[in-house]
Amino acid sequence: MLVVRQAVVGPFAENTWLVADSGTGDAVVIDPGGEATRVLGLAQPDFRIVRILATHGHVDHIFGAEELRRRTGAPFQIHAGDEPFVRALPGQAAGLGFGPARSPEVSAFLADGDAIRVGGHEARVIHTPGHSPGGVSLHFPADRLLFAGDTLFAGSVGRTDLPGGNATELLGSIRERLFPLGDDVRFFPGHGPGGTLGEERRRNPYVGDDAPRGRFP
């Protein structure tokens, strides 16, 4: 069985996710935004963290990545499109009041279509730019689960006014890459509560069936 645990961390109330296979004990951490000791606690006593993934490179999603990497030995991965954010992390963290930080060491870059094993389960990397150039979502097709980062929220969508943001790309990522995964897919966002893709397709005021096409209203 796939187990999902959550910690809301940092000044931006970011969702860090632990996703684990209850059979093998293998786990991945998605979006380690800080408070590494709390995040490590999500794995106790049942799981071992074998990989650390980031849906994108904004400071609130990777602030804790290097500490978690050092304490677990697990490799850290992110899409190459967001490598500039990784390099800029120390300055961004200081400027936004997160405190001192080191840029995490990237073991390998994620690419669209990559398969990520979590024990006996498999996730697929979906490149979903718009909130950031290298934004990705992680889809577990057999489990009908999606980790969407800051691409899609319950009743909203990710910001596109930050460096590298693009509203047209964001809407395309959601409508063309996420919604076709199926209405029954449960999604877990980078902030706030999740829901199902079907509910967002029907009701989301920015990207749902009745939303105006083109630019944000």
Protein backbone atom coordinates (compact mmCIF):
# COMPACT_ATOMS: atom_id res chain seq x y z
CA MET A 1 0.00 0.00 0.00
CA LEU A 2 1.15 3.53 -0.74
CA VAL A 3 1.24 5.68 2.41
CA VAL A 4 1.11 9.50 2.24
CA ARG A 5 2.12 11.66 5.20
CA GLN A 6 2.25 15.46 5.36
CA ALA A 7 4.12 18.15 7.26
CA VAL A 8 3.23 21.83 6.83
CA VAL A 9 6.53 23.67 7.21
CA GLY A 10 8.11 27.08 7.04
CA PRO A 11 6.80 30.66 7.00
CA PHE A 12 4.81 30.03 3.79
CA ALA A 13 2.98 26.98 5.22
CA GLU A 14 4.36 24.71 2.51
CA ASN A 15 3.24 21.09 2.22
CA THR A 16 6.10 18.61 2.44
CA TRP A 17 5.04 15.07 1.54
CA LEU A 18 6.41 11.69 2.50
CA VAL A 19 5.26 8.93 0.14
CA ALA A 20 6.12 5.39 1.18
CA ASP A 21 5.54 1.75 0.30
CA SER A 22 4.25 -0.01 3.40
CA GLY A 23 5.55 -3.33 2.07
CA THR A 24 9.19 -2.45 1.41
CA GLY A 25 9.60 0.53 3.74
CA ASP A 26 11.06 2.70 0.97
CA ALA A 27 9.97 6.33 1.00
CA VAL A 28 10.51 9.52 -0.95
CA VAL A 29 10.19 13.08 0.32
CA ILE A 30 8.59 15.61 -2.02
CA ASP A 31 9.29 19.33 -1.59
CA PRO A 32 11.44 19.52 1.57
CA GLY A 33 10.63 23.10 2.53
CA GLY A 34 12.38 23.08 5.89
CA GLU A 35 12.12 21.73 9.44
CA ALA A 36 14.14 18.65 8.54
CA THR A 37 13.73 17.05 11.95
CA ARG A 38 9.95 17.11 11.61
CA VAL A 39 10.18 15.75 8.08
CA LEU A 40 12.44 12.94 9.26
CA GLY A 41 9.83 12.19 11.90
CA LEU A 42 7.29 11.44 9.18
CA ALA A 43 9.34 8.37 8.29
CA GLN A 44 9.50 7.02 11.83
CA PRO A 45 9.31 4.22 12.77
CA ASP A 46 8.31 2.47 9.59
CA PHE A 47 10.14 3.94 6.59
CA ARG A 48 13.55 4.88 5.22
CA ILE A 49 13.94 7.89 2.93
CA VAL A 50 15.66 6.79 -0.28
CA ARG A 51 15.08 9.81 -2.53
CA ILE A 52 14.30 13.53 -2.21
CA LEU A 53 12.34 15.22 -5.02
CA ALA A 54 11.34 18.81 -5.70
CA THR A 55 8.40 19.80 -7.87
CA HIS A 56 10.15 23.14 -8.42
CA GLY A 57 12.96 25.27 -7.09
CA HIS A 58 11.33 28.06 -5.11
CA VAL A 59 12.86 28.60 -1.70
CA ASP A 60 9.81 27.46 0.28
CA HIS A 61 10.00 24.05 -1.45
CA ILE A 62 13.74 23.33 -1.23
CA PHE A 63 14.95 25.24 1.84
CA GLY A 64 15.39 21.99 3.78
CA ALA A 65 16.71 19.87 0.93
CA GLU A 66 20.42 19.98 1.69
CA GLU A 67 20.02 19.26 5.40
CA LEU A 68 17.69 16.36 4.64
CA ARG A 69 20.10 15.05 2.01
CA ARG A 70 23.01 15.15 4.44
CA ARG A 71 21.08 13.49 7.24
CA THR A 72 19.66 10.67 5.12
CA GLY A 73 22.20 10.20 2.34
CA ALA A 74 19.28 10.18 -0.11
CA PRO A 75 19.87 11.80 -3.52
CA PHE A 76 18.11 15.06 -4.36
CA GLN A 77 16.52 15.60 -7.78
CA ILE A 78 14.84 18.52 -9.55
CA HIS A 79 14.16 19.51 -13.16
CA ALA A 80 17.06 21.25 -14.91
CA GLY A 81 14.83 24.19 -15.77
CA ASP A 82 14.86 25.24 -12.13
CA GLU A 83 18.58 24.79 -11.52
CA PRO A 84 19.04 28.60 -11.34
CA PHE A 85 16.73 28.68 -8.31
CA VAL A 86 18.84 25.99 -6.65
CA ARG A 87 22.01 28.02 -7.17
CA ALA A 88 20.29 31.18 -5.89
CA LEU A 89 18.85 29.54 -2.77
CA PRO A 90 21.22 31.07 -0.17
CA GLY A 91 20.46 34.62 -1.31
CA GLN A 92 16.74 34.01 -1.68
CA ALA A 93 16.52 32.41 1.74
CA ALA A 94 18.30 35.31 3.41
CA GLY A 95 16.22 37.90 1.56
CA LEU A 96 12.91 36.28 2.51
CA GLY A 97 13.75 35.69 6.14
CA PHE A 98 14.21 31.91 5.98
CA GLY A 99 17.67 32.08 7.52
CA PRO A 100 20.99 30.68 6.30
CA ALA A 101 20.83 27.93 3.69
CA ARG A 102 23.10 25.92 1.45
CA SER A 103 22.18 25.01 -2.11
CA PRO A 104 21.35 21.32 -2.24
CA GLU A 105 23.61 19.03 -4.22
CA VAL A 106 21.65 17.70 -7.22
CA SER A 107 22.40 14.05 -7.97
CA ALA A 108 20.46 13.95 -11.26
CA PHE A 109 17.90 16.07 -13.03
CA LEU A 110 14.31 15.01 -13.49
CA ALA A 111 12.94 14.91 -17.03
CA ASP A 112 9.47 14.53 -18.47
CA GLY A 113 8.48 10.87 -18.58
CA ASP A 114 11.02 9.66 -16.03
CA ALA A 115 9.88 6.73 -13.87
CA ILE A 116 10.42 7.04 -10.11
CA ARG A 117 10.21 3.85 -8.08
CA VAL A 118 8.88 3.90 -4.52
CA GLY A 119 9.20 0.30 -3.48
CA GLY A 120 6.68 -1.59 -5.59
CA HIS A 121 4.96 1.59 -6.79
CA GLU A 122 5.88 3.80 -9.72
CA ALA A 123 5.49 7.52 -10.34
CA ARG A 124 5.88 9.32 -13.64
CA VAL A 125 7.40 12.76 -13.94
CA ILE A 126 5.21 15.22 -15.85
CA HIS A 127 6.81 18.52 -16.87
CA THR A 128 4.26 21.19 -15.92
CA PRO A 129 5.87 24.60 -16.48
CA GLY A 130 4.11 27.85 -15.81
CA HIS A 131 4.64 28.52 -12.11
CA SER A 132 8.33 28.02 -12.84
CA PRO A 133 10.22 26.87 -15.95
CA GLY A 134 11.18 23.52 -14.47
CA GLY A 135 8.00 22.76 -12.58
CA VAL A 136 7.01 19.09 -12.52
CA SER A 137 4.14 17.01 -11.16
CA LEU A 138 4.54 13.44 -9.94
CA HIS A 139 1.82 11.02 -10.97
CA PHE A 140 1.26 7.57 -9.48
CA PRO A 141 -1.05 6.13 -12.17
CA ALA A 142 -1.84 2.81 -10.49
CA ASP A 143 -2.63 4.55 -7.20
CA ARG A 144 -4.57 7.44 -8.82
CA LEU A 145 -2.50 10.04 -6.96
CA LEU A 146 -0.80 13.23 -8.15
CA PHE A 147 1.65 15.56 -6.41
CA ALA A 148 1.15 18.86 -8.21
CA GLY A 149 3.47 21.26 -6.41
CA ASP A 150 2.33 24.84 -6.99
CA THR A 151 0.82 24.16 -10.41
CA LEU A 152 -2.72 23.46 -9.22
CA PHE A 153 -4.52 24.25 -5.98
CA ALA A 154 -8.01 23.52 -4.72
CA GLY A 155 -10.02 26.31 -6.32
CA SER A 156 -6.97 28.12 -7.65
CA VAL A 157 -3.75 27.84 -9.64
CA GLY A 158 -0.10 28.70 -9.10
CA ARG A 159 1.23 32.22 -9.35
CA THR A 160 2.78 33.27 -12.63
CA ASP A 161 4.11 36.70 -11.62
CA LEU A 162 7.37 35.33 -10.21
CA PRO A 163 10.57 35.10 -12.29
CA GLY A 164 10.14 32.49 -15.01
CA GLY A 165 6.37 32.29 -14.59
CA ASN A 166 4.13 32.06 -17.63
CA ALA A 167 0.32 32.09 -17.44
CA THR A 168 -0.23 30.51 -20.85
CA GLU A 169 2.12 27.65 -20.02
CA LEU A 170 0.51 27.12 -16.62
CA LEU A 171 -3.01 26.84 -18.00
CA GLY A 172 -1.77 24.51 -20.73
CA SER A 173 0.02 22.34 -18.18
CA ILE A 174 -3.17 21.90 -16.17
CA ARG A 175 -5.65 21.50 -19.01
CA GLU A 176 -3.49 19.44 -21.36
CA ARG A 177 -1.28 17.43 -19.00
CA LEU A 178 -3.07 17.09 -15.66
CA PHE A 179 -6.81 17.01 -16.34
CA PRO A 180 -6.49 14.15 -18.88
CA LEU A 181 -5.10 11.93 -16.10
CA GLY A 182 -8.67 11.35 -14.95
CA ASP A 183 -11.37 12.95 -12.81
CA ASP A 184 -10.86 10.42 -10.02
CA VAL A 185 -7.18 11.26 -9.49
CA ARG A 186 -6.54 12.77 -6.06
CA PHE A 187 -4.04 15.62 -6.10
CA PHE A 188 -1.83 16.92 -3.32
CA PRO A 189 -0.67 20.55 -3.78
CA GLY A 190 2.23 22.53 -2.43
CA HIS A 191 0.01 24.64 -0.16
CA GLY A 192 -3.42 24.15 1.33
CA PRO A 193 -5.84 21.26 0.90
CA GLY A 194 -6.04 18.95 -2.09
CA GLY A 195 -8.94 17.39 -3.91
CA THR A 196 -9.71 15.58 -7.14
CA LEU A 197 -8.90 16.62 -10.68
CA GLY A 198 -12.55 16.19 -11.60
CA GLU A 199 -13.67 18.74 -9.04
CA GLU A 200 -11.11 21.24 -10.34
CA ARG A 201 -12.01 20.56 -13.96
CA ARG A 202 -15.65 21.29 -13.18
CA ARG A 203 -15.36 24.17 -10.72
CA ASN A 204 -11.94 25.83 -10.70
CA PRO A 205 -12.57 29.50 -11.58
CA TYR A 206 -9.24 29.87 -13.40
CA VAL A 207 -8.92 26.66 -15.34
CA GLY A 208 -12.22 24.75 -15.04
CA ASP A 209 -14.71 24.01 -17.80
CA ASP A 210 -16.50 27.32 -17.32
CA ALA A 211 -13.41 29.48 -16.84
CA PRO A 212 -12.59 32.06 -19.52
CA ARG A 213 -9.99 30.83 -21.99
CA GLY A 214 -6.73 32.66 -22.46
CA ARG A 215 -5.36 34.98 -19.82
CA PHE A 216 -6.33 35.01 -16.18
CA PRO A 217 -9.36 37.19 -15.42
